[in-house]
N, C-alpha and C. Protein backbone atom coordinates (compact mmCIF):
# COMPACT_ATOMS: atom_id res chain seq x y z
N UNK A 1 58.86 -91.04 -111.17
CA UNK A 1 58.91 -91.06 -109.68
C UNK A 1 58.78 -88.87 -109.94
N UNK A 2 58.97 -88.77 -111.21
CA UNK A 2 59.05 -86.74 -111.27
C UNK A 2 57.49 -87.24 -111.87
N UNK A 3 56.46 -87.60 -112.11
CA UNK A 3 55.16 -86.89 -112.50
C UNK A 3 54.77 -86.75 -111.19
N UNK A 4 54.92 -87.67 -109.94
CA UNK A 4 54.20 -87.78 -108.80
C UNK A 4 55.38 -86.07 -108.19
N UNK A 5 56.16 -85.87 -108.77
CA UNK A 5 57.19 -84.75 -107.43
C UNK A 5 56.09 -83.61 -107.77
N UNK A 6 55.86 -82.72 -106.90
CA UNK A 6 55.19 -81.24 -106.00
C UNK A 6 55.79 -80.62 -107.12
N UNK A 7 55.74 -80.02 -107.87
CA UNK A 7 55.83 -78.98 -108.50
C UNK A 7 56.49 -77.76 -107.72
N UNK A 8 57.05 -77.42 -108.02
CA UNK A 8 58.02 -75.21 -107.22
C UNK A 8 57.00 -74.75 -107.99
N UNK A 9 56.81 -73.70 -107.27
CA UNK A 9 55.86 -72.48 -107.91
C UNK A 9 56.82 -71.88 -109.29
N UNK A 10 56.32 -71.17 -109.52
CA UNK A 10 57.42 -71.15 -111.03
C UNK A 10 57.96 -69.94 -110.90
N UNK A 11 58.06 -68.89 -109.53
CA UNK A 11 58.95 -68.08 -109.63
C UNK A 11 60.34 -68.66 -108.85
N UNK A 12 59.85 -69.64 -107.91
CA UNK A 12 61.21 -70.41 -106.92
C UNK A 12 62.00 -71.41 -108.15
N UNK A 13 61.34 -71.31 -109.45
CA UNK A 13 62.06 -72.76 -110.69
C UNK A 13 62.79 -71.44 -110.63
N UNK A 14 62.70 -69.70 -111.48
CA UNK A 14 63.41 -69.07 -112.05
C UNK A 14 64.42 -69.02 -111.04
N UNK A 15 64.39 -68.41 -109.66
CA UNK A 15 65.39 -67.41 -108.76
C UNK A 15 65.96 -68.86 -108.82
N UNK A 16 65.62 -70.17 -108.33
CA UNK A 16 66.53 -71.27 -108.58
C UNK A 16 67.82 -71.20 -109.79
N UNK A 17 66.76 -70.89 -111.86
CA UNK A 17 68.27 -71.13 -111.94
C UNK A 17 68.35 -70.07 -112.38
N UNK A 18 68.17 -68.89 -111.83
CA UNK A 18 69.08 -67.73 -111.73
C UNK A 18 70.54 -67.40 -110.14
N UNK A 19 69.68 -68.92 -109.73
CA UNK A 19 70.84 -68.97 -109.16
C UNK A 19 72.28 -69.68 -109.36
N UNK A 20 71.55 -70.70 -110.08
CA UNK A 20 72.73 -71.73 -110.49
C UNK A 20 73.80 -71.07 -111.93
N UNK A 21 73.02 -69.82 -112.16
CA UNK A 21 74.14 -69.54 -112.75
C UNK A 21 75.37 -68.58 -112.19
N UNK A 22 74.49 -67.64 -111.49
CA UNK A 22 75.76 -66.68 -110.47
C UNK A 22 76.58 -67.78 -109.36
N UNK A 23 76.17 -68.98 -108.88
CA UNK A 23 76.89 -69.56 -108.28
C UNK A 23 77.78 -70.02 -109.85
N UNK A 24 78.08 -70.50 -111.08
CA UNK A 24 78.29 -70.90 -111.96
C UNK A 24 79.57 -70.17 -111.77
N UNK A 25 79.54 -68.86 -112.10
CA UNK A 25 80.32 -68.05 -112.16
C UNK A 25 80.76 -67.03 -110.87
N UNK A 26 80.92 -67.92 -109.74
CA UNK A 26 81.55 -67.80 -109.04
C UNK A 26 83.01 -68.86 -109.06
N UNK A 27 83.26 -70.07 -109.56
CA UNK A 27 84.28 -70.84 -109.77
C UNK A 27 85.44 -69.87 -110.26
N UNK A 28 85.04 -68.33 -110.92
CA UNK A 28 86.57 -67.34 -110.83
C UNK A 28 86.96 -66.83 -109.48
N UNK A 29 86.25 -67.13 -108.65
CA UNK A 29 86.70 -66.83 -107.55
C UNK A 29 87.11 -67.42 -106.88
N UNK A 30 87.58 -66.80 -105.15
CA UNK A 30 88.18 -67.23 -103.96
C UNK A 30 87.89 -68.38 -103.90
N UNK A 31 88.37 -69.79 -103.29
CA UNK A 31 87.76 -71.31 -103.04
C UNK A 31 87.25 -70.56 -101.90
N UNK A 32 87.13 -70.32 -100.92
CA UNK A 32 86.45 -69.62 -99.21
C UNK A 32 84.83 -69.26 -100.16
N UNK A 33 84.85 -68.53 -100.38
CA UNK A 33 83.96 -66.88 -101.17
C UNK A 33 83.12 -68.59 -101.76
N UNK A 34 83.56 -69.21 -102.35
CA UNK A 34 82.88 -70.61 -103.69
C UNK A 34 81.92 -71.28 -102.40
N UNK A 35 82.88 -71.84 -101.39
CA UNK A 35 81.43 -72.60 -100.10
C UNK A 35 80.51 -71.77 -99.24
N UNK A 36 81.64 -70.51 -99.21
CA UNK A 36 80.15 -70.12 -98.30
C UNK A 36 78.85 -70.06 -99.11
N UNK A 37 78.91 -69.96 -100.49
CA UNK A 37 77.98 -69.96 -100.89
C UNK A 37 76.46 -71.04 -100.65
N UNK A 38 76.88 -72.30 -101.50
CA UNK A 38 76.59 -73.52 -100.57
C UNK A 38 76.02 -73.45 -99.16
N UNK A 39 76.88 -72.89 -98.69
CA UNK A 39 77.04 -73.33 -96.82
C UNK A 39 76.34 -72.13 -95.99
N UNK A 40 75.16 -71.26 -97.27
CA UNK A 40 74.04 -70.48 -97.29
C UNK A 40 73.22 -70.52 -97.36
N UNK A 41 73.38 -71.27 -98.61
CA UNK A 41 72.19 -72.06 -98.81
C UNK A 41 71.39 -73.30 -98.57
N UNK A 42 72.24 -73.61 -97.41
CA UNK A 42 72.14 -75.65 -96.70
C UNK A 42 71.05 -74.35 -95.30
N UNK A 43 71.81 -73.21 -94.89
CA UNK A 43 71.60 -72.43 -93.80
C UNK A 43 70.00 -71.78 -93.80
N UNK A 44 69.85 -71.75 -95.35
CA UNK A 44 68.26 -70.82 -95.57
C UNK A 44 67.74 -72.60 -95.88
N UNK A 45 68.32 -73.27 -96.24
CA UNK A 45 67.20 -74.39 -96.24
C UNK A 45 66.59 -74.90 -95.15
N UNK A 46 67.42 -74.94 -93.98
CA UNK A 46 66.67 -75.54 -92.53
C UNK A 46 66.05 -74.29 -92.24
N UNK A 47 66.48 -73.30 -91.98
CA UNK A 47 65.13 -72.13 -91.53
C UNK A 47 63.97 -72.44 -92.13
N UNK A 48 64.11 -72.58 -93.08
CA UNK A 48 62.82 -72.31 -94.27
C UNK A 48 62.04 -73.67 -94.49
N UNK A 49 62.83 -74.98 -94.04
CA UNK A 49 62.17 -76.26 -93.60
C UNK A 49 61.53 -76.71 -92.08
N UNK A 50 62.17 -75.89 -91.68
CA UNK A 50 62.09 -76.73 -90.14
C UNK A 50 60.72 -77.06 -89.92
N UNK A 51 59.56 -75.94 -89.77
CA UNK A 51 58.48 -76.70 -89.33
C UNK A 51 57.91 -77.06 -90.42
N UNK A 52 57.77 -76.58 -91.56
CA UNK A 52 57.57 -77.52 -92.55
C UNK A 52 57.61 -78.91 -92.30
N UNK A 53 58.86 -79.99 -92.32
CA UNK A 53 59.72 -80.64 -91.73
C UNK A 53 58.96 -81.33 -91.06
N UNK A 54 58.58 -80.52 -89.97
CA UNK A 54 58.06 -81.25 -88.12
C UNK A 54 56.96 -81.59 -89.28
N UNK A 55 56.03 -80.27 -89.43
CA UNK A 55 54.53 -80.98 -89.42
C UNK A 55 54.33 -82.04 -90.59
N UNK A 56 54.62 -82.21 -91.74
CA UNK A 56 55.40 -83.72 -92.43
C UNK A 56 55.47 -84.82 -92.33
N UNK A 57 56.49 -84.43 -90.76
CA UNK A 57 57.00 -85.42 -90.73
C UNK A 57 56.04 -85.45 -89.49
N UNK A 58 55.02 -85.61 -88.98
CA UNK A 58 54.08 -85.37 -87.82
C UNK A 58 52.19 -85.95 -88.49
N UNK A 59 52.34 -85.61 -89.89
CA UNK A 59 51.08 -85.82 -90.84
C UNK A 59 51.18 -86.65 -91.08
N UNK A 60 50.36 -87.46 -91.02
CA UNK A 60 50.65 -89.16 -90.59
C UNK A 60 49.61 -89.54 -91.58
N UNK A 61 48.91 -88.54 -91.60
CA UNK A 61 47.54 -88.92 -92.89
C UNK A 61 47.38 -89.30 -94.57
N UNK A 62 48.62 -89.16 -94.87
CA UNK A 62 49.30 -89.05 -96.14
C UNK A 62 50.63 -89.19 -96.39
N UNK A 63 50.80 -90.66 -95.39
CA UNK A 63 52.29 -90.73 -95.55
C UNK A 63 52.78 -91.11 -96.53
N UNK A 64 51.99 -91.83 -97.21
CA UNK A 64 52.72 -92.60 -98.20
C UNK A 64 53.18 -91.24 -99.68
N UNK A 65 52.00 -90.56 -99.78
CA UNK A 65 52.77 -89.18 -100.61
C UNK A 65 53.58 -89.02 -100.32
N UNK A 66 54.57 -88.54 -99.68
CA UNK A 66 55.46 -87.90 -99.04
C UNK A 66 56.62 -88.06 -99.72
N UNK A 67 57.71 -88.90 -100.31
CA UNK A 67 58.13 -89.53 -101.24
C UNK A 67 58.06 -89.20 -102.03
N UNK A 68 56.82 -89.41 -103.28
CA UNK A 68 57.04 -89.74 -104.24
C UNK A 68 57.00 -87.18 -103.85
N UNK A 69 56.32 -87.21 -103.63
CA UNK A 69 55.67 -85.51 -103.89
C UNK A 69 57.32 -84.70 -103.93
N UNK A 70 57.86 -85.46 -103.02
CA UNK A 70 59.86 -84.67 -103.15
C UNK A 70 60.72 -85.09 -104.02
N UNK A 71 59.66 -86.54 -104.56
CA UNK A 71 61.11 -86.48 -106.11
C UNK A 71 61.44 -87.77 -105.05
N UNK A 72 61.74 -88.36 -103.83
CA UNK A 72 62.47 -89.10 -103.20
C UNK A 72 62.09 -90.57 -103.13
N UNK A 73 63.39 -91.50 -102.68
CA UNK A 73 62.38 -92.96 -101.91
C UNK A 73 62.32 -92.87 -100.86
N UNK A 74 61.02 -93.58 -100.12
CA UNK A 74 61.10 -93.45 -98.86
C UNK A 74 62.37 -93.20 -97.91
N UNK A 75 63.48 -93.69 -97.92
CA UNK A 75 63.81 -93.62 -96.78
C UNK A 75 64.95 -92.62 -97.04
N UNK A 76 65.34 -92.04 -98.35
CA UNK A 76 65.94 -90.43 -98.15
C UNK A 76 64.39 -89.61 -98.36
N UNK A 77 62.95 -89.61 -98.19
CA UNK A 77 62.34 -88.36 -97.79
C UNK A 77 62.83 -88.66 -96.20
N UNK A 78 62.48 -89.92 -95.91
CA UNK A 78 62.84 -89.45 -93.97
C UNK A 78 63.70 -89.40 -93.35
N UNK A 79 65.31 -89.68 -94.42
CA UNK A 79 65.92 -88.59 -93.59
C UNK A 79 66.26 -87.04 -93.82
N UNK A 80 65.41 -86.64 -95.04
CA UNK A 80 65.57 -85.36 -95.30
C UNK A 80 64.48 -84.63 -93.97
N UNK A 81 63.42 -85.28 -94.04
CA UNK A 81 62.93 -84.54 -92.87
C UNK A 81 62.74 -84.43 -91.43
N UNK A 82 63.86 -85.93 -91.55
CA UNK A 82 64.51 -85.57 -89.96
C UNK A 82 65.21 -84.82 -89.66
N UNK A 83 66.05 -84.34 -91.46
CA UNK A 83 67.44 -83.38 -91.07
C UNK A 83 66.99 -82.15 -91.25
N UNK A 84 66.03 -81.72 -91.50
CA UNK A 84 65.28 -80.34 -91.41
C UNK A 84 63.72 -79.76 -90.22
N UNK A 85 63.85 -81.07 -89.83
CA UNK A 85 63.38 -80.77 -88.76
C UNK A 85 64.20 -81.14 -87.29
N UNK A 86 65.25 -81.00 -87.57
CA UNK A 86 66.71 -81.61 -86.80
C UNK A 86 66.84 -83.07 -84.96
N UNK A 87 65.75 -84.20 -86.70
CA UNK A 87 65.08 -85.15 -85.23
C UNK A 87 66.80 -86.05 -85.82
N UNK A 88 66.78 -87.19 -84.77
CA UNK A 88 67.96 -87.86 -85.24
C UNK A 88 67.55 -88.89 -85.98
N UNK A 89 68.17 -89.44 -86.76
CA UNK A 89 67.03 -90.48 -88.05
C UNK A 89 67.90 -92.18 -88.39
N UNK A 90 67.71 -92.79 -87.62
CA UNK A 90 68.42 -94.00 -88.29
C UNK A 90 67.76 -95.36 -88.46
N UNK A 91 68.32 -95.28 -89.75
CA UNK A 91 67.53 -96.20 -91.19
C UNK A 91 67.62 -97.88 -90.71
């Protein structure tokens, strides 16, 4: 499935790699500082993904391409889009 996943722009891949290294350094910090980091990332992902997820979820022209494009199973892709678009998802 990895070969059909939509690639991230190189600048985003570089930023994520740098972020991973910085988060690993946080292991020496107080636990709440470490927990705040993924929470902030989660909030950023929700902000960034909200409208895009809604558009992707409503665009049925190529719904079959969504799961492999995200590198997920159909069930996981539906759950992710529902989460980002703040829709209730029942499987």
